[in-house]
Amino acid sequence: MSSSKSQSNPECPVFFSKNVTFVLKGAGIILMLFHHLFSCSADLVEKYHVSSRLIPIDKIMTLSALSKICVAIFVFLSACGITISLRQKPKDQQTGYVWHRYKKLAFGFLIVYLISILTFFLRADRLRIYFKEGGLKGIFYMIIDASGLASFFGTPSYNETWWYMSVAILMVFAMPLLISLYDHFGLSAVVVAAMLTYLGIPLTAFTTYLFTMLLGIMAASENIYGYLFSLREKLKSIKSDTVFYSLALVFFAFLFLVILTFRFKCGHEDLTDGLLALILSGIFFILTDLKGFRFPFLSLLGKHSMNMFLLHTLIFEYYFTDFIYSFHNWLLITLVLLCASLAISIVIDFFKSKYSVYH
């Protein structure tokens, strides 16, 4: 399965547009907020008597736990996007692209980090987390946290959900190597990544999503979305596009439910979540790129998903917990946090754009 083979095939154009990426990221950020508000905050659900009229609260908690697939969605999309970008660039420009991608990621995080530190008075005990071992170590820990690598070094972090920054940063620098491994070993590299735990390699935050990264590389390299388009061209017996795409959507939805059920009953999140992200990308590829549905609100959320990810825990868990959970109903709580995170992100991006800050 050579990437050069798939890219040289003019009959299989890449149809995975940026709009699909934004829509999927928008869906992912909703799942992330839902996951953190309930499954990860069971004590707050009990303390504030969160209610649900149509769906029992225990079912909400179960769905919230399953929503952790949001992380795999972001990893898959990043791996897919970086692979496509690197393959479009000459070898001598790839290192520059990696550094550009890193600087954009790190600078976006640094802005939110500084905003968080400047608002520490809303929750003073969060700042103390750095200084339990003295002032100099505290400053050192703050610098590491500001770099986004606190999870990697195992040092204190102002916001516990920023652990993903270490994965995102390491992935940017690891992608050229992972793409090279895929080019040399093809599907075998994906299989090995899936078998890490069975090979005695302990799972870390990064290696947990290594299989998902390889799936993203494979999806972009082999242009599986282009082949789906080509399949439609070959199946002339199905005269209606609507019938073909409907059948494809039913098939993907069935696969999604089967794997989700397996995940719920048997676990193995490091394997199932990557597959679920792959299937979801296929579903939204059909709906968005082939059928023309735009999902403007999801797309808007996707464009602000980075800031919303970095901000939402500060809002609901550290600073304004009483306000967010005062709405009691799970749906209202989610909507309020969603709107608050989005509004703050829009303001941040407005000032970044206004003052021509790196964006």
Protein backbone atom coordinates (compact mmCIF):
# COMPACT_ATOMS: atom_id res chain seq x y z
CA MET A 1 0.00 0.00 0.00
CA SER A 2 2.20 2.79 -1.24
CA SER A 3 1.22 6.39 -0.78
CA SER A 4 2.91 7.36 -4.03
CA LYS A 5 0.69 4.88 -5.86
CA SER A 6 -2.51 6.41 -4.50
CA GLN A 7 -1.39 9.97 -5.08
CA SER A 8 -0.41 9.32 -8.67
CA ASN A 9 -3.85 8.00 -9.54
CA PRO A 10 -5.74 10.89 -11.19
CA GLU A 11 -9.03 9.00 -10.90
CA CYS A 12 -8.97 9.25 -7.10
CA PRO A 13 -8.84 12.94 -6.18
CA VAL A 14 -8.72 13.93 -2.51
CA PHE A 15 -12.18 15.11 -1.57
CA PHE A 16 -11.68 15.53 2.16
CA SER A 17 -12.17 19.30 2.28
CA LYS A 18 -11.39 21.71 5.11
CA ASN A 19 -15.11 22.06 5.66
CA VAL A 20 -15.30 18.36 6.60
CA THR A 21 -12.46 18.96 9.06
CA PHE A 22 -14.20 21.94 10.65
CA VAL A 23 -17.54 20.12 10.89
CA LEU A 24 -15.91 17.09 12.51
CA LYS A 25 -13.96 19.28 14.92
CA GLY A 26 -17.22 21.04 15.79
CA ALA A 27 -18.85 17.71 16.57
CA GLY A 28 -15.74 16.73 18.50
CA ILE A 29 -15.77 19.80 20.73
CA ILE A 30 -19.44 19.21 21.62
CA LEU A 31 -18.56 15.65 22.59
CA MET A 32 -15.60 16.91 24.63
CA LEU A 33 -17.70 19.37 26.63
CA PHE A 34 -20.37 16.71 27.17
CA HIS A 35 -17.74 14.20 28.31
CA HIS A 36 -16.04 16.56 30.77
CA LEU A 37 -19.25 18.04 32.19
CA PHE A 38 -20.75 14.72 33.22
CA SER A 39 -18.68 11.54 32.96
CA CYS A 40 -15.51 13.27 34.21
CA SER A 41 -17.40 15.31 36.81
CA ALA A 42 -19.68 12.79 38.50
CA ASP A 43 -19.19 14.55 41.85
CA LEU A 44 -20.49 17.82 40.37
CA VAL A 45 -23.44 16.02 38.75
CA GLU A 46 -24.41 14.73 42.19
CA LYS A 47 -23.64 17.96 44.05
CA TYR A 48 -25.74 20.16 41.75
CA HIS A 49 -28.51 17.60 41.23
CA VAL A 50 -28.19 17.57 37.45
CA SER A 51 -31.47 16.38 35.95
CA SER A 52 -32.73 14.87 32.73
CA ARG A 53 -36.38 14.60 31.84
CA LEU A 54 -36.31 12.65 28.58
CA ILE A 55 -33.25 10.46 29.19
CA PRO A 56 -32.41 8.95 32.61
CA ILE A 57 -29.34 10.58 34.13
CA ASP A 58 -27.50 7.24 34.27
CA LYS A 59 -27.89 6.97 30.49
CA ILE A 60 -26.55 10.52 30.13
CA MET A 61 -23.52 9.50 32.14
CA THR A 62 -22.99 6.44 29.92
CA LEU A 63 -23.25 8.50 26.75
CA SER A 64 -20.92 11.06 28.28
CA ALA A 65 -18.31 8.36 28.91
CA LEU A 66 -18.56 7.16 25.32
CA SER A 67 -18.04 10.74 24.15
CA LYS A 68 -14.34 10.39 24.93
CA ILE A 69 -13.97 9.45 21.26
CA CYS A 70 -13.61 13.22 20.75
CA VAL A 71 -9.86 12.92 21.43
CA ALA A 72 -9.42 10.35 18.66
CA ILE A 73 -11.37 12.61 16.29
CA PHE A 74 -8.91 15.46 16.83
CA VAL A 75 -5.89 13.14 16.57
CA PHE A 76 -7.18 11.52 13.39
CA LEU A 77 -7.94 14.84 11.71
CA SER A 78 -4.54 16.28 12.66
CA ALA A 79 -2.71 13.21 11.34
CA CYS A 80 -4.73 13.30 8.14
CA GLY A 81 -4.16 17.04 7.59
CA ILE A 82 -0.44 16.99 8.37
CA THR A 83 0.08 13.99 6.07
CA ILE A 84 -1.64 15.70 3.14
CA SER A 85 0.31 18.93 3.73
CA LEU A 86 3.69 17.19 4.01
CA ARG A 87 3.11 15.08 0.92
CA GLN A 88 2.33 18.22 -1.08
CA LYS A 89 5.66 19.82 -0.15
CA PRO A 90 9.18 19.12 -1.44
CA LYS A 91 11.51 17.41 1.02
CA ASP A 92 13.47 20.60 1.66
CA GLN A 93 10.31 22.43 2.79
CA GLN A 94 8.91 19.78 5.12
CA THR A 95 11.02 20.72 8.14
CA GLY A 96 9.93 24.33 7.76
CA TYR A 97 6.29 23.24 7.64
CA VAL A 98 6.68 21.18 10.83
CA TRP A 99 8.14 24.17 12.66
CA HIS A 100 5.42 26.45 11.27
CA ARG A 101 2.75 24.04 12.49
CA TYR A 102 4.40 23.82 15.90
CA LYS A 103 4.73 27.61 16.29
CA LYS A 104 1.09 28.12 15.37
CA LEU A 105 -0.01 25.49 17.88
CA ALA A 106 2.31 26.68 20.65
CA PHE A 107 1.50 30.36 20.19
CA GLY A 108 -2.25 29.74 20.24
CA PHE A 109 -1.82 27.82 23.48
CA LEU A 110 0.46 30.47 25.00
CA ILE A 111 -2.17 33.19 24.53
CA VAL A 112 -4.80 31.15 26.39
CA TYR A 113 -2.24 30.19 29.03
CA LEU A 114 -1.41 33.85 29.72
CA ILE A 115 -5.12 34.70 29.92
CA SER A 116 -5.54 31.86 32.42
CA ILE A 117 -2.66 33.04 34.59
CA LEU A 118 -3.84 36.65 34.51
CA THR A 119 -7.26 35.53 35.77
CA PHE A 120 -5.84 33.35 38.55
CA PHE A 121 -7.53 35.56 41.18
CA LEU A 122 -10.80 33.82 40.25
CA ARG A 123 -9.34 30.63 41.68
CA ALA A 124 -6.15 31.43 43.59
CA ASP A 125 -5.47 27.86 44.65
CA ARG A 126 -4.81 26.87 41.03
CA LEU A 127 -1.68 29.03 40.93
CA ARG A 128 -0.39 27.46 44.14
CA ILE A 129 -0.14 24.12 42.36
CA TYR A 130 3.20 25.25 40.90
CA PHE A 131 4.83 26.31 44.16
CA LYS A 132 4.47 23.30 46.46
CA GLU A 133 8.21 22.66 46.16
CA GLY A 134 9.42 26.25 46.38
CA GLY A 135 9.56 29.41 44.31
CA LEU A 136 12.28 28.52 41.79
CA LYS A 137 10.75 25.16 41.00
CA GLY A 138 7.37 26.84 40.74
CA ILE A 139 8.63 29.24 38.07
CA PHE A 140 10.28 26.33 36.26
CA TYR A 141 6.98 24.41 36.34
CA MET A 142 5.13 27.45 34.97
CA ILE A 143 7.54 27.67 32.02
CA ILE A 144 7.06 23.99 31.24
CA ASP A 145 3.27 24.36 31.50
CA ALA A 146 3.37 27.41 29.23
CA SER A 147 5.21 25.32 26.64
CA GLY A 148 2.33 22.81 26.62
CA LEU A 149 4.57 19.94 27.74
CA ALA A 150 3.60 19.57 31.41
CA SER A 151 1.96 16.20 30.78
CA PHE A 152 5.03 14.94 28.93
CA PHE A 153 7.39 15.90 31.78
CA GLY A 154 4.94 14.94 34.52
CA THR A 155 4.98 18.42 36.07
CA PRO A 156 2.03 20.38 37.53
CA SER A 157 -0.43 22.05 35.16
CA TYR A 158 -2.79 24.95 35.80
CA ASN A 159 -5.49 23.10 33.86
CA GLU A 160 -5.69 19.30 34.02
CA THR A 161 -7.26 18.97 30.56
CA TRP A 162 -4.21 20.56 28.93
CA TRP A 163 -2.61 17.12 28.95
CA TYR A 164 -3.62 16.84 25.30
CA MET A 165 -1.21 19.64 24.34
CA SER A 166 1.74 17.30 24.92
CA VAL A 167 0.18 14.74 22.57
CA ALA A 168 -0.55 17.41 19.93
CA ILE A 169 2.97 18.87 20.06
CA LEU A 170 4.73 15.51 20.03
CA MET A 171 2.54 14.40 17.13
CA VAL A 172 3.60 17.40 15.02
CA PHE A 173 7.27 16.45 15.36
CA ALA A 174 6.66 12.70 15.11
CA MET A 175 4.59 12.85 11.91
CA PRO A 176 7.51 12.86 9.41
CA LEU A 177 8.90 9.73 11.08
CA LEU A 178 5.49 8.03 11.25
CA ILE A 179 4.82 8.84 7.59
CA SER A 180 8.21 7.40 6.68
CA LEU A 181 7.44 4.23 8.64
CA TYR A 182 4.11 3.92 6.84
CA ASP A 183 5.78 4.43 3.45
CA HIS A 184 8.23 1.60 4.21
CA PHE A 185 5.91 -0.87 5.95
CA GLY A 186 2.41 0.12 4.79
CA LEU A 187 -0.45 -1.66 6.54
CA SER A 188 2.03 -3.54 8.74
CA ALA A 189 2.88 -0.28 10.52
CA VAL A 190 -0.81 0.26 11.30
CA VAL A 191 -1.16 -3.29 12.61
CA VAL A 192 1.91 -2.97 14.83
CA ALA A 193 0.55 0.30 16.26
CA ALA A 194 -2.69 -1.52 17.04
CA MET A 195 -0.81 -4.31 18.83
CA LEU A 196 1.36 -2.17 21.14
CA THR A 197 -0.22 -3.38 24.37
CA TYR A 198 0.09 -7.02 23.27
CA LEU A 199 3.78 -6.43 22.56
CA GLY A 200 4.34 -5.42 26.17
CA ILE A 201 4.71 -1.70 25.44
CA PRO A 202 2.96 0.36 28.16
CA LEU A 203 0.38 2.84 26.96
CA THR A 204 1.09 6.52 27.53
CA ALA A 205 -1.02 9.51 26.51
CA PHE A 206 0.91 9.54 23.21
CA THR A 207 1.09 5.82 22.42
CA THR A 208 -2.60 5.40 23.24
CA TYR A 209 -3.36 7.37 20.08
CA LEU A 210 -0.53 6.05 17.91
CA PHE A 211 -2.90 3.66 16.13
CA THR A 212 -5.25 6.57 15.41
CA MET A 213 -2.34 8.59 14.01
CA LEU A 214 -1.37 5.73 11.67
CA LEU A 215 -5.01 5.42 10.58
CA GLY A 216 -5.01 9.12 9.72
CA ILE A 217 -1.78 8.71 7.76
CA MET A 218 -3.22 5.70 5.91
CA ALA A 219 -6.50 7.48 5.15
CA ALA A 220 -4.66 10.44 3.63
CA SER A 221 -1.94 8.42 1.90
CA GLU A 222 -4.23 5.84 0.31
CA ASN A 223 -6.93 8.41 -0.38
CA ILE A 224 -9.73 6.18 0.87
CA TYR A 225 -12.22 9.02 0.41
CA GLY A 226 -11.29 9.32 -3.24
CA TYR A 227 -11.86 5.58 -3.64
CA LEU A 228 -15.33 5.96 -2.19
CA PHE A 229 -16.01 8.53 -4.89
CA SER A 230 -14.53 6.23 -7.53
CA LEU A 231 -16.69 3.36 -6.31
CA ARG A 232 -19.75 5.42 -7.13
CA GLU A 233 -18.44 5.92 -10.65
CA LYS A 234 -17.94 2.17 -11.12
CA LEU A 235 -21.33 1.07 -9.76
CA LYS A 236 -23.35 2.14 -12.77
CA SER A 237 -26.09 -0.33 -11.80
CA ILE A 238 -27.12 2.08 -9.04
CA LYS A 239 -28.48 4.89 -11.16
CA SER A 240 -29.34 7.27 -8.33
CA ASP A 241 -26.63 9.12 -6.38
CA THR A 242 -29.09 9.49 -3.52
CA VAL A 243 -29.59 5.72 -3.29
CA PHE A 244 -25.84 5.03 -3.42
CA TYR A 245 -24.92 7.59 -0.77
CA SER A 246 -27.83 6.52 1.42
CA LEU A 247 -26.64 2.92 1.28
CA ALA A 248 -23.08 4.04 2.08
CA LEU A 249 -24.32 6.08 5.06
CA VAL A 250 -26.37 3.16 6.37
CA PHE A 251 -23.33 0.90 6.05
CA PHE A 252 -21.05 3.36 7.89
CA ALA A 253 -23.68 3.97 10.58
CA PHE A 254 -24.04 0.21 11.12
CA LEU A 255 -20.24 -0.18 11.45
CA PHE A 256 -20.14 2.76 13.85
CA LEU A 257 -22.80 1.23 16.10
CA VAL A 258 -21.15 -2.20 16.06
CA ILE A 259 -17.75 -0.80 17.09
CA LEU A 260 -19.32 1.56 19.64
CA THR A 261 -21.17 -1.39 21.22
CA PHE A 262 -17.94 -3.38 21.33
CA ARG A 263 -16.18 -0.40 22.94
CA PHE A 264 -18.90 -0.12 25.57
CA LYS A 265 -18.85 -3.81 26.47
CA CYS A 266 -15.17 -4.71 25.99
CA GLY A 267 -13.17 -1.48 26.15
CA HIS A 268 -9.98 -1.36 24.03
CA GLU A 269 -10.41 2.38 23.52
CA ASP A 270 -6.96 2.71 21.96
CA LEU A 271 -8.24 0.62 19.04
CA THR A 272 -11.94 1.37 18.81
CA ASP A 273 -11.74 5.17 19.06
CA GLY A 274 -9.47 5.44 16.04
CA LEU A 275 -11.80 3.26 13.99
CA LEU A 276 -14.81 5.32 15.11
CA ALA A 277 -13.03 8.52 14.06
CA LEU A 278 -12.26 6.97 10.65
CA ILE A 279 -15.91 5.97 10.15
CA LEU A 280 -17.21 9.37 11.26
CA SER A 281 -14.91 11.06 8.77
CA GLY A 282 -16.41 8.87 6.05
CA ILE A 283 -19.94 9.79 7.10
CA PHE A 284 -19.25 13.52 7.10
CA PHE A 285 -17.26 13.24 3.86
CA ILE A 286 -20.38 11.89 2.17
CA LEU A 287 -22.72 14.41 3.79
CA THR A 288 -20.49 17.45 3.33
CA ASP A 289 -18.28 16.97 0.28
CA LEU A 290 -20.46 14.65 -1.80
CA LYS A 291 -23.98 15.67 -0.78
CA GLY A 292 -23.27 19.35 -0.13
CA PHE A 293 -24.60 19.73 3.43
CA ARG A 294 -22.73 22.56 5.17
CA PHE A 295 -23.54 22.33 8.92
CA PRO A 296 -22.58 26.00 9.48
CA PHE A 297 -22.82 25.93 13.28
CA LEU A 298 -20.65 22.84 13.58
CA SER A 299 -18.19 24.44 11.17
CA LEU A 300 -18.08 27.58 13.31
CA LEU A 301 -17.42 25.50 16.41
CA GLY A 302 -14.70 23.64 14.53
CA LYS A 303 -12.88 26.85 13.69
CA HIS A 304 -12.87 27.75 17.39
CA SER A 305 -12.36 24.20 18.71
CA MET A 306 -8.76 24.79 19.83
CA ASN A 307 -9.60 27.78 22.02
CA MET A 308 -12.76 26.11 23.31
CA PHE A 309 -10.80 23.02 24.30
CA LEU A 310 -8.26 25.14 26.19
CA LEU A 311 -10.88 27.33 27.89
CA HIS A 312 -13.87 25.19 28.81
CA THR A 313 -12.43 23.51 31.93
CA LEU A 314 -11.46 26.88 33.36
CA ILE A 315 -15.05 28.04 32.94
CA PHE A 316 -17.02 25.10 34.28
CA GLU A 317 -14.65 23.48 36.78
CA TYR A 318 -12.33 26.17 38.12
CA TYR A 319 -13.92 29.60 37.80
CA PHE A 320 -17.70 29.53 37.35
CA THR A 321 -18.82 26.10 38.51
CA ASP A 322 -21.82 27.36 40.47
CA PHE A 323 -23.09 29.35 37.51
CA ILE A 324 -22.68 26.62 34.90
CA TYR A 325 -24.33 23.90 36.98
CA SER A 326 -27.02 26.25 38.32
CA PHE A 327 -29.09 25.38 35.25
CA HIS A 328 -29.36 21.79 36.57
CA ASN A 329 -30.67 20.33 33.29
CA TRP A 330 -27.87 18.53 31.42
CA LEU A 331 -28.80 20.01 28.06
CA LEU A 332 -28.93 23.59 29.33
CA ILE A 333 -25.64 23.12 31.16
CA THR A 334 -23.99 21.90 27.96
CA LEU A 335 -25.45 24.76 25.89
CA VAL A 336 -24.39 27.42 28.37
CA LEU A 337 -20.81 26.12 28.51
CA LEU A 338 -20.74 25.78 24.73
CA CYS A 339 -21.89 29.38 24.22
CA ALA A 340 -19.57 30.78 26.90
CA SER A 341 -16.52 28.97 25.46
CA LEU A 342 -17.40 30.02 21.92
CA ALA A 343 -17.98 33.67 22.89
CA ILE A 344 -14.61 33.95 24.65
CA SER A 345 -12.87 32.25 21.73
CA ILE A 346 -14.43 34.71 19.27
CA VAL A 347 -13.15 37.62 21.35
CA ILE A 348 -9.65 36.12 21.51
CA ASP A 349 -9.53 35.54 17.76
CA PHE A 350 -10.87 39.05 17.13
CA PHE A 351 -7.94 40.61 18.98
CA LYS A 352 -5.45 38.21 17.39
CA SER A 353 -6.73 39.26 13.98
CA LYS A 354 -7.00 42.97 14.85
CA TYR A 355 -3.42 43.20 16.02
CA SER A 356 -2.09 40.83 13.39
CA VAL A 357 -0.96 38.35 16.02
CA TYR A 358 0.33 35.01 14.68
CA HIS A 359 -2.83 33.17 13.68
